[in-house]
């Protein structure tokens, strides 16, 4: 008798529950793609510890950004085993991905803080742009003159989740005037002379980090714009690919 009453009570409760609507075909959200397995984190941390933090790079935000960017995804497949060496590597189109220590040094020299805006001249592999994006709270713009390289890198950065970087194909010599002023400009190809348009697009107090000189005789410089002009500091000798486009007519 008690068992019958329990079954009756359960049936009544079930009848009072509103029926659940059947799912409409196609209405369910598509499952998120699985994030790629990060099986190279140990190599990245060793690279930062042994070749960057052990030298003169001390900004924790820069070191943190360098630990996050998957450099191996930004180089050709055959070079991925070498991705965490502290060396530049070829990426095609006569271009290279910059040495990690130099990327860290240029990022630290830019002295960016949250809420600031940075322009990169020479997207290349996308490595420097990705590191800047990982600083957090920094608005990143980047220009690449080599169109097929730019198209490839734009797609790759989007797949890696860096879809907030503002990207453009074109000659970076004249900068990005409609987005100026910038708190920092980082140039990843070497002109023989500093492009005046880039200095003009700096905010007061802004910093231009740029390799300058002929091949084999380049220095990494930091040019700071003040109210009454600029000051220049030389950091160390470097070896970058030459800036092409209009820069070649300004020797």
C-alpha atoms as a PDB file:
ATOM      1  CA  UNK A   1       0.000   0.000   0.000  1.00  0.00           C
ATOM      2  CA  UNK A   2       2.775   2.447   0.976  1.00  0.00           C
ATOM      3  CA  UNK A   3       4.654   1.574  -2.209  1.00  0.00           C
ATOM      4  CA  UNK A   4       1.566   2.340  -4.300  1.00  0.00           C
ATOM      5  CA  UNK A   5       1.103   5.723  -2.566  1.00  0.00           C
ATOM      6  CA  UNK A   6       4.745   6.619  -3.222  1.00  0.00           C
ATOM      7  CA  UNK A   7       4.433   5.761  -6.901  1.00  0.00           C
ATOM      8  CA  UNK A   8       1.236   7.832  -7.165  1.00  0.00           C
ATOM      9  CA  UNK A   9       2.891  10.840  -5.461  1.00  0.00           C
ATOM     10  CA  UNK A  10       5.904  10.635  -7.793  1.00  0.00           C
ATOM     11  CA  UNK A  11       3.599  10.498 -10.850  1.00  0.00           C
ATOM     12  CA  UNK A  12       1.705  13.614  -9.654  1.00  0.00           C
ATOM     13  CA  UNK A  13       4.922  15.568  -9.151  1.00  0.00           C
ATOM     14  CA  UNK A  14       6.148  14.541 -12.591  1.00  0.00           C
ATOM     15  CA  UNK A  15       2.882  15.765 -14.161  1.00  0.00           C
ATOM     16  CA  UNK A  16       3.248  19.188 -12.456  1.00  0.00           C
ATOM     17  CA  UNK A  17       6.769  19.733 -13.890  1.00  0.00           C
ATOM     18  CA  UNK A  18       6.634  21.786 -17.123  1.00  0.00           C
ATOM     19  CA  UNK A  19       7.697  19.838 -20.162  1.00  0.00           C
ATOM     20  CA  UNK A  20      11.162  20.740 -21.466  1.00  0.00           C
ATOM     21  CA  UNK A  21      11.219  22.081 -25.047  1.00  0.00           C
ATOM     22  CA  UNK A  22      12.899  19.879 -27.576  1.00  0.00           C
ATOM     23  CA  UNK A  23      16.168  21.345 -28.874  1.00  0.00           C
ATOM     24  CA  UNK A  24      15.834  23.108 -32.200  1.00  0.00           C
ATOM     25  CA  UNK A  25      18.222  21.730 -34.792  1.00  0.00           C
ATOM     26  CA  UNK A  26      21.192  24.077 -35.136  1.00  0.00           C
ATOM     27  CA  UNK A  27      20.230  26.146 -32.061  1.00  0.00           C
ATOM     28  CA  UNK A  28      22.937  24.754 -29.781  1.00  0.00           C
ATOM     29  CA  UNK A  29      26.171  26.792 -29.800  1.00  0.00           C
ATOM     30  CA  UNK A  30      29.059  25.203 -31.607  1.00  0.00           C
ATOM     31  CA  UNK A  31      31.593  23.718 -29.211  1.00  0.00           C
ATOM     32  CA  UNK A  32      34.694  25.829 -28.661  1.00  0.00           C
ATOM     33  CA  UNK A  33      37.753  24.476 -30.470  1.00  0.00           C
ATOM     34  CA  UNK A  34      40.152  22.802 -28.117  1.00  0.00           C
ATOM     35  CA  UNK A  35      43.126  24.973 -27.196  1.00  0.00           C
ATOM     36  CA  UNK A  36      46.386  23.608 -28.548  1.00  0.00           C
ATOM     37  CA  UNK A  37      48.357  21.643 -26.000  1.00  0.00           C
ATOM     38  CA  UNK A  38      51.220  23.771 -24.699  1.00  0.00           C
ATOM     39  CA  UNK A  39      53.972  21.188 -24.620  1.00  0.00           C
ATOM     40  CA  UNK A  40      56.799  23.709 -25.064  1.00  0.00           C
ATOM     41  CA  UNK A  41      56.253  25.791 -21.906  1.00  0.00           C
ATOM     42  CA  UNK A  42      59.315  24.312 -20.217  1.00  0.00           C
ATOM     43  CA  UNK A  43      61.516  25.360 -23.126  1.00  0.00           C
ATOM     44  CA  UNK A  44      60.054  28.878 -23.060  1.00  0.00           C
ATOM     45  CA  UNK A  45      60.687  29.260 -19.342  1.00  0.00           C
ATOM     46  CA  UNK A  46      64.265  28.044 -19.725  1.00  0.00           C
ATOM     47  CA  UNK A  47      64.808  30.454 -22.598  1.00  0.00           C
ATOM     48  CA  UNK A  48      63.597  33.370 -20.489  1.00  0.00           C
ATOM     49  CA  UNK A  49      65.503  32.310 -17.371  1.00  0.00           C
ATOM     50  CA  UNK A  50      68.797  31.513 -19.070  1.00  0.00           C
ATOM     51  CA  UNK A  51      69.061  34.068 -21.886  1.00  0.00           C
ATOM     52  CA  UNK A  52      66.872  37.019 -20.878  1.00  0.00           C
ATOM     53  CA  UNK A  53      66.291  37.336 -17.126  1.00  0.00           C
ATOM     54  CA  UNK A  54      69.868  36.262 -16.426  1.00  0.00           C
ATOM     55  CA  UNK A  55      71.098  39.295 -18.343  1.00  0.00           C
ATOM     56  CA  UNK A  56      69.750  42.818 -17.891  1.00  0.00           C
ATOM     57  CA  UNK A  57      65.999  42.469 -18.531  1.00  0.00           C
ATOM     58  CA  UNK A  58      64.195  43.030 -15.230  1.00  0.00           C
ATOM     59  CA  UNK A  59      60.673  44.265 -16.044  1.00  0.00           C
ATOM     60  CA  UNK A  60      58.358  41.514 -14.742  1.00  0.00           C
ATOM     61  CA  UNK A  61      55.668  42.360 -17.308  1.00  0.00           C
ATOM     62  CA  UNK A  62      58.144  41.900 -20.153  1.00  0.00           C
ATOM     63  CA  UNK A  63      59.458  38.627 -18.725  1.00  0.00           C
ATOM     64  CA  UNK A  64      55.900  37.410 -18.229  1.00  0.00           C
ATOM     65  CA  UNK A  65      54.973  38.261 -21.822  1.00  0.00           C
ATOM     66  CA  UNK A  66      58.032  36.438 -23.153  1.00  0.00           C
ATOM     67  CA  UNK A  67      56.986  33.331 -21.211  1.00  0.00           C
ATOM     68  CA  UNK A  68      53.519  33.370 -22.801  1.00  0.00           C
ATOM     69  CA  UNK A  69      54.109  33.753 -26.541  1.00  0.00           C
ATOM     70  CA  UNK A  70      54.372  30.460 -28.439  1.00  0.00           C
ATOM     71  CA  UNK A  71      57.375  31.338 -30.594  1.00  0.00           C
ATOM     72  CA  UNK A  72      57.424  27.852 -32.142  1.00  0.00           C
ATOM     73  CA  UNK A  73      54.091  28.564 -33.844  1.00  0.00           C
ATOM     74  CA  UNK A  74      55.573  31.625 -35.557  1.00  0.00           C
ATOM     75  CA  UNK A  75      58.426  29.883 -37.383  1.00  0.00           C
ATOM     76  CA  UNK A  76      58.401  27.387 -40.292  1.00  0.00           C
ATOM     77  CA  UNK A  77      57.695  23.787 -39.220  1.00  0.00           C
ATOM     78  CA  UNK A  78      61.213  22.612 -39.989  1.00  0.00           C
ATOM     79  CA  UNK A  79      62.628  25.237 -37.596  1.00  0.00           C
ATOM     80  CA  UNK A  80      60.233  24.627 -34.714  1.00  0.00           C
ATOM     81  CA  UNK A  81      62.754  22.439 -32.820  1.00  0.00           C
ATOM     82  CA  UNK A  82      65.017  25.534 -32.701  1.00  0.00           C
ATOM     83  CA  UNK A  83      62.262  27.993 -31.764  1.00  0.00           C
ATOM     84  CA  UNK A  84      63.508  28.611 -28.212  1.00  0.00           C
ATOM     85  CA  UNK A  85      67.115  29.219 -29.078  1.00  0.00           C
ATOM     86  CA  UNK A  86      68.202  32.800 -28.477  1.00  0.00           C
ATOM     87  CA  UNK A  87      68.772  33.369 -32.180  1.00  0.00           C
ATOM     88  CA  UNK A  88      66.983  34.970 -35.133  1.00  0.00           C
ATOM     89  CA  UNK A  89      65.528  32.448 -37.579  1.00  0.00           C
ATOM     90  CA  UNK A  90      64.479  32.786 -41.234  1.00  0.00           C
ATOM     91  CA  UNK A  91      60.741  32.975 -41.890  1.00  0.00           C
ATOM     92  CA  UNK A  92      60.798  33.339 -45.685  1.00  0.00           C
ATOM     93  CA  UNK A  93      60.573  36.383 -47.947  1.00  0.00           C
ATOM     94  CA  UNK A  94      64.162  37.281 -46.920  1.00  0.00           C
ATOM     95  CA  UNK A  95      62.893  38.137 -43.435  1.00  0.00           C
ATOM     96  CA  UNK A  96      63.670  36.771 -39.959  1.00  0.00           C
ATOM     97  CA  UNK A  97      62.015  36.336 -36.591  1.00  0.00           C
ATOM     98  CA  UNK A  98      64.009  38.434 -34.141  1.00  0.00           C
ATOM     99  CA  UNK A  99      66.265  37.058 -31.428  1.00  0.00           C
ATOM    100  CA  UNK A 100      64.218  36.681 -28.211  1.00  0.00           C
ATOM    101  CA  UNK A 101      66.660  38.732 -26.119  1.00  0.00           C
ATOM    102  CA  UNK A 102      66.449  41.633 -28.588  1.00  0.00           C
ATOM    103  CA  UNK A 103      62.623  41.463 -28.585  1.00  0.00           C
ATOM    104  CA  UNK A 104      62.656  41.613 -24.785  1.00  0.00           C
ATOM    105  CA  UNK A 105      65.162  44.486 -24.758  1.00  0.00           C
ATOM    106  CA  UNK A 106      63.162  46.527 -27.261  1.00  0.00           C
ATOM    107  CA  UNK A 107      59.926  45.868 -25.372  1.00  0.00           C
ATOM    108  CA  UNK A 108      61.483  46.952 -22.080  1.00  0.00           C
ATOM    109  CA  UNK A 109      63.013  50.053 -23.691  1.00  0.00           C
ATOM    110  CA  UNK A 110      59.548  51.108 -24.894  1.00  0.00           C
ATOM    111  CA  UNK A 111      58.482  51.434 -21.215  1.00  0.00           C
ATOM    112  CA  UNK A 112      54.828  50.800 -21.989  1.00  0.00           C
ATOM    113  CA  UNK A 113      52.127  50.812 -19.332  1.00  0.00           C
ATOM    114  CA  UNK A 114      48.447  49.834 -19.416  1.00  0.00           C
ATOM    115  CA  UNK A 115      46.307  52.241 -21.408  1.00  0.00           C
ATOM    116  CA  UNK A 116      49.116  53.275 -23.757  1.00  0.00           C
ATOM    117  CA  UNK A 117      49.363  52.868 -27.523  1.00  0.00           C
ATOM    118  CA  UNK A 118      52.293  51.367 -29.465  1.00  0.00           C
ATOM    119  CA  UNK A 119      53.064  51.159 -33.178  1.00  0.00           C
ATOM    120  CA  UNK A 120      55.295  48.417 -34.573  1.00  0.00           C
ATOM    121  CA  UNK A 121      56.942  48.926 -37.965  1.00  0.00           C
ATOM    122  CA  UNK A 122      57.575  45.508 -39.508  1.00  0.00           C
ATOM    123  CA  UNK A 123      55.086  42.858 -38.336  1.00  0.00           C
ATOM    124  CA  UNK A 124      57.232  40.091 -39.831  1.00  0.00           C
ATOM    125  CA  UNK A 125      56.539  36.827 -38.026  1.00  0.00           C
ATOM    126  CA  UNK A 126      54.230  38.545 -35.519  1.00  0.00           C
ATOM    127  CA  UNK A 127      56.493  37.721 -32.556  1.00  0.00           C
ATOM    128  CA  UNK A 128      57.124  41.288 -31.375  1.00  0.00           C
ATOM    129  CA  UNK A 129      53.454  42.225 -31.837  1.00  0.00           C
ATOM    130  CA  UNK A 130      52.336  39.195 -29.810  1.00  0.00           C
ATOM    131  CA  UNK A 131      54.760  40.037 -26.983  1.00  0.00           C
ATOM    132  CA  UNK A 132      53.423  43.606 -26.900  1.00  0.00           C
ATOM    133  CA  UNK A 133      49.861  42.288 -26.807  1.00  0.00           C
ATOM    134  CA  UNK A 134      50.742  40.051 -23.840  1.00  0.00           C
ATOM    135  CA  UNK A 135      51.753  43.080 -21.757  1.00  0.00           C
ATOM    136  CA  UNK A 136      48.045  43.613 -21.100  1.00  0.00           C
ATOM    137  CA  UNK A 137      46.128  46.847 -21.516  1.00  0.00           C
ATOM    138  CA  UNK A 138      48.345  48.069 -24.363  1.00  0.00           C
ATOM    139  CA  UNK A 139      46.804  49.003 -27.722  1.00  0.00           C
ATOM    140  CA  UNK A 140      48.979  47.487 -30.464  1.00  0.00           C
ATOM    141  CA  UNK A 141      49.230  48.638 -34.090  1.00  0.00           C
ATOM    142  CA  UNK A 142      51.523  46.937 -36.601  1.00  0.00           C
ATOM    143  CA  UNK A 143      52.461  47.490 -40.268  1.00  0.00           C
ATOM    144  CA  UNK A 144      54.142  45.045 -42.679  1.00  0.00           C
ATOM    145  CA  UNK A 145      55.337  45.976 -46.168  1.00  0.00           C
ATOM    146  CA  UNK A 146      55.744  42.434 -47.578  1.00  0.00           C
ATOM    147  CA  UNK A 147      52.160  41.617 -48.576  1.00  0.00           C
ATOM    148  CA  UNK A 148      52.265  37.774 -48.718  1.00  0.00           C
ATOM    149  CA  UNK A 149      54.110  37.675 -45.384  1.00  0.00           C
ATOM    150  CA  UNK A 150      51.592  40.083 -43.865  1.00  0.00           C
ATOM    151  CA  UNK A 151      48.633  38.008 -45.070  1.00  0.00           C
ATOM    152  CA  UNK A 152      50.139  34.822 -43.640  1.00  0.00           C
ATOM    153  CA  UNK A 153      50.990  36.449 -40.315  1.00  0.00           C
ATOM    154  CA  UNK A 154      47.613  38.150 -39.950  1.00  0.00           C
ATOM    155  CA  UNK A 155      45.871  34.768 -40.244  1.00  0.00           C
ATOM    156  CA  UNK A 156      48.296  33.115 -37.859  1.00  0.00           C
ATOM    157  CA  UNK A 157      47.963  35.811 -35.191  1.00  0.00           C
ATOM    158  CA  UNK A 158      44.174  35.525 -35.403  1.00  0.00           C
ATOM    159  CA  UNK A 159      44.346  31.735 -34.952  1.00  0.00           C
ATOM    160  CA  UNK A 160      46.571  32.264 -31.920  1.00  0.00           C
ATOM    161  CA  UNK A 161      43.998  34.592 -30.349  1.00  0.00           C
ATOM    162  CA  UNK A 162      45.723  37.922 -31.009  1.00  0.00           C
ATOM    163  CA  UNK A 163      42.697  39.368 -32.771  1.00  0.00           C
ATOM    164  CA  UNK A 164      42.812  42.770 -31.053  1.00  0.00           C
ATOM    165  CA  UNK A 165      46.068  43.818 -32.720  1.00  0.00           C
ATOM    166  CA  UNK A 166      45.416  46.471 -35.382  1.00  0.00           C
ATOM    167  CA  UNK A 167      47.185  45.266 -38.542  1.00  0.00           C
ATOM    168  CA  UNK A 168      47.939  46.960 -41.835  1.00  0.00           C
ATOM    169  CA  UNK A 169      49.786  46.104 -45.044  1.00  0.00           C
ATOM    170  CA  UNK A 170      51.943  48.956 -46.290  1.00  0.00           C
ATOM    171  CA  UNK A 171      55.160  50.963 -46.045  1.00  0.00           C
ATOM    172  CA  UNK A 172      55.835  51.796 -42.406  1.00  0.00           C
ATOM    173  CA  UNK A 173      58.195  54.677 -43.174  1.00  0.00           C
ATOM    174  CA  UNK A 174      55.345  57.177 -42.782  1.00  0.00           C
ATOM    175  CA  UNK A 175      53.898  55.395 -39.780  1.00  0.00           C
ATOM    176  CA  UNK A 176      50.154  55.351 -39.112  1.00  0.00           C
ATOM    177  CA  UNK A 177      49.272  59.065 -38.907  1.00  0.00           C
ATOM    178  CA  UNK A 178      45.517  58.676 -38.396  1.00  0.00           C
ATOM    179  CA  UNK A 179      46.139  56.596 -35.243  1.00  0.00           C
ATOM    180  CA  UNK A 180      48.870  58.881 -33.850  1.00  0.00           C
ATOM    181  CA  UNK A 181      50.140  59.990 -31.403  1.00  0.00           C
ATOM    182  CA  UNK A 182      51.803  56.872 -30.033  1.00  0.00           C
ATOM    183  CA  UNK A 183      53.367  56.403 -26.614  1.00  0.00           C
ATOM    184  CA  UNK A 184      55.995  54.175 -28.224  1.00  0.00           C
ATOM    185  CA  UNK A 185      57.056  53.084 -31.699  1.00  0.00           C
ATOM    186  CA  UNK A 186      59.151  49.945 -32.197  1.00  0.00           C
ATOM    187  CA  UNK A 187      60.869  49.406 -35.549  1.00  0.00           C
ATOM    188  CA  UNK A 188      62.012  45.894 -36.456  1.00  0.00           C
ATOM    189  CA  UNK A 189      63.939  46.759 -39.644  1.00  0.00           C
ATOM    190  CA  UNK A 190      66.893  49.106 -39.915  1.00  0.00           C
ATOM    191  CA  UNK A 191      66.829  52.360 -41.908  1.00  0.00           C
ATOM    192  CA  UNK A 192      70.094  54.203 -42.459  1.00  0.00           C
ATOM    193  CA  UNK A 193      68.480  57.379 -41.111  1.00  0.00           C
ATOM    194  CA  UNK A 194      65.695  57.783 -38.558  1.00  0.00           C
ATOM    195  CA  UNK A 195      62.365  58.460 -40.365  1.00  0.00           C
ATOM    196  CA  UNK A 196      61.136  61.910 -39.341  1.00  0.00           C
ATOM    197  CA  UNK A 197      57.444  60.913 -39.678  1.00  0.00           C
ATOM    198  CA  UNK A 198      57.901  58.398 -36.857  1.00  0.00           C
ATOM    199  CA  UNK A 199      59.345  61.019 -34.529  1.00  0.00           C
ATOM    200  CA  UNK A 200      56.487  63.354 -35.454  1.00  0.00           C
ATOM    201  CA  UNK A 201      53.948  60.666 -34.478  1.00  0.00           C
ATOM    202  CA  UNK A 202      55.334  60.234 -30.961  1.00  0.00           C
ATOM    203  CA  UNK A 203      53.443  61.711 -28.059  1.00  0.00           C
ATOM    204  CA  UNK A 204      55.437  64.045 -25.829  1.00  0.00           C
ATOM    205  CA  UNK A 205      57.391  61.676 -23.617  1.00  0.00           C
ATOM    206  CA  UNK A 206      57.019  58.906 -26.202  1.00  0.00           C
ATOM    207  CA  UNK A 207      59.890  56.627 -27.170  1.00  0.00           C
ATOM    208  CA  UNK A 208      61.050  55.423 -30.590  1.00  0.00           C
ATOM    209  CA  UNK A 209      63.023  52.170 -30.328  1.00  0.00           C
ATOM    210  CA  UNK A 210      64.821  51.650 -33.630  1.00  0.00           C
ATOM    211  CA  UNK A 211      67.885  49.985 -35.160  1.00  0.00           C
ATOM    212  CA  UNK A 212      69.761  52.490 -37.313  1.00  0.00           C
ATOM    213  CA  UNK A 213      72.627  52.108 -39.769  1.00  0.00           C
ATOM    214  CA  UNK A 214      73.949  50.178 -42.721  1.00  0.00           C
ATOM    215  CA  UNK A 215      74.158  46.394 -42.666  1.00  0.00           C
ATOM    216  CA  UNK A 216      76.989  45.357 -40.390  1.00  0.00           C
ATOM    217  CA  UNK A 217      77.067  48.715 -38.597  1.00  0.00           C
ATOM    218  CA  UNK A 218      73.742  49.123 -36.809  1.00  0.00           C
ATOM    219  CA  UNK A 219      72.968  50.412 -33.325  1.00  0.00           C
ATOM    220  CA  UNK A 220      69.736  50.022 -31.383  1.00  0.00           C
ATOM    221  CA  UNK A 221      68.656  53.503 -30.348  1.00  0.00           C
ATOM    222  CA  UNK A 222      65.963  54.921 -28.083  1.00  0.00           C
ATOM    223  CA  UNK A 223      64.798  58.378 -29.139  1.00  0.00           C
ATOM    224  CA  UNK A 224      62.586  60.154 -26.611  1.00  0.00           C
ATOM    225  CA  UNK A 225      60.451  63.089 -27.684  1.00  0.00           C
ATOM    226  CA  UNK A 226      60.322  66.011 -25.289  1.00  0.00           C
ATOM    227  CA  UNK A 227      58.535  69.354 -25.433  1.00  0.00           C
ATOM    228  CA  UNK A 228      61.608  71.031 -26.908  1.00  0.00           C
ATOM    229  CA  UNK A 229      63.080  68.292 -29.082  1.00  0.00           C
ATOM    230  CA  UNK A 230      64.440  64.774 -28.761  1.00  0.00           C
ATOM    231  CA  UNK A 231      67.134  62.926 -26.843  1.00  0.00           C
ATOM    232  CA  UNK A 232      68.879  59.809 -28.139  1.00  0.00           C
ATOM    233  CA  UNK A 233      70.399  56.871 -26.286  1.00  0.00           C
ATOM    234  CA  UNK A 234      72.321  54.035 -27.941  1.00  0.00           C
ATOM    235  CA  UNK A 235      71.733  50.632 -26.351  1.00  0.00           C
ATOM    236  CA  UNK A 236      73.925  48.074 -28.180  1.00  0.00           C
ATOM    237  CA  UNK A 237      74.976  46.926 -31.678  1.00  0.00           C
ATOM    238  CA  UNK A 238      72.369  44.879 -33.558  1.00  0.00           C
ATOM    239  CA  UNK A 239      71.880  43.178 -36.902  1.00  0.00           C
ATOM    240  CA  UNK A 240      68.463  43.705 -38.533  1.00  0.00           C
ATOM    241  CA  UNK A 241      67.215  43.339 -42.097  1.00  0.00           C
ATOM    242  CA  UNK A 242      67.192  46.732 -43.855  1.00  0.00           C
ATOM    243  CA  UNK A 243      64.034  48.811 -43.937  1.00  0.00           C
ATOM    244  CA  UNK A 244      62.639  48.751 -47.474  1.00  0.00           C
ATOM    245  CA  UNK A 245      60.220  51.018 -49.307  1.00  0.00           C
ATOM    246  CA  UNK A 246      60.601  54.767 -48.989  1.00  0.00           C
ATOM    247  CA  UNK A 247      63.436  54.358 -46.491  1.00  0.00           C
ATOM    248  CA  UNK A 248      65.641  53.186 -49.349  1.00  0.00           C
ATOM    249  CA  UNK A 249      65.264  56.609 -50.993  1.00  0.00           C
ATOM    250  CA  UNK A 250      66.332  58.469 -47.835  1.00  0.00           C
ATOM    251  CA  UNK A 251      69.914  57.260 -47.551  1.00  0.00           C
END
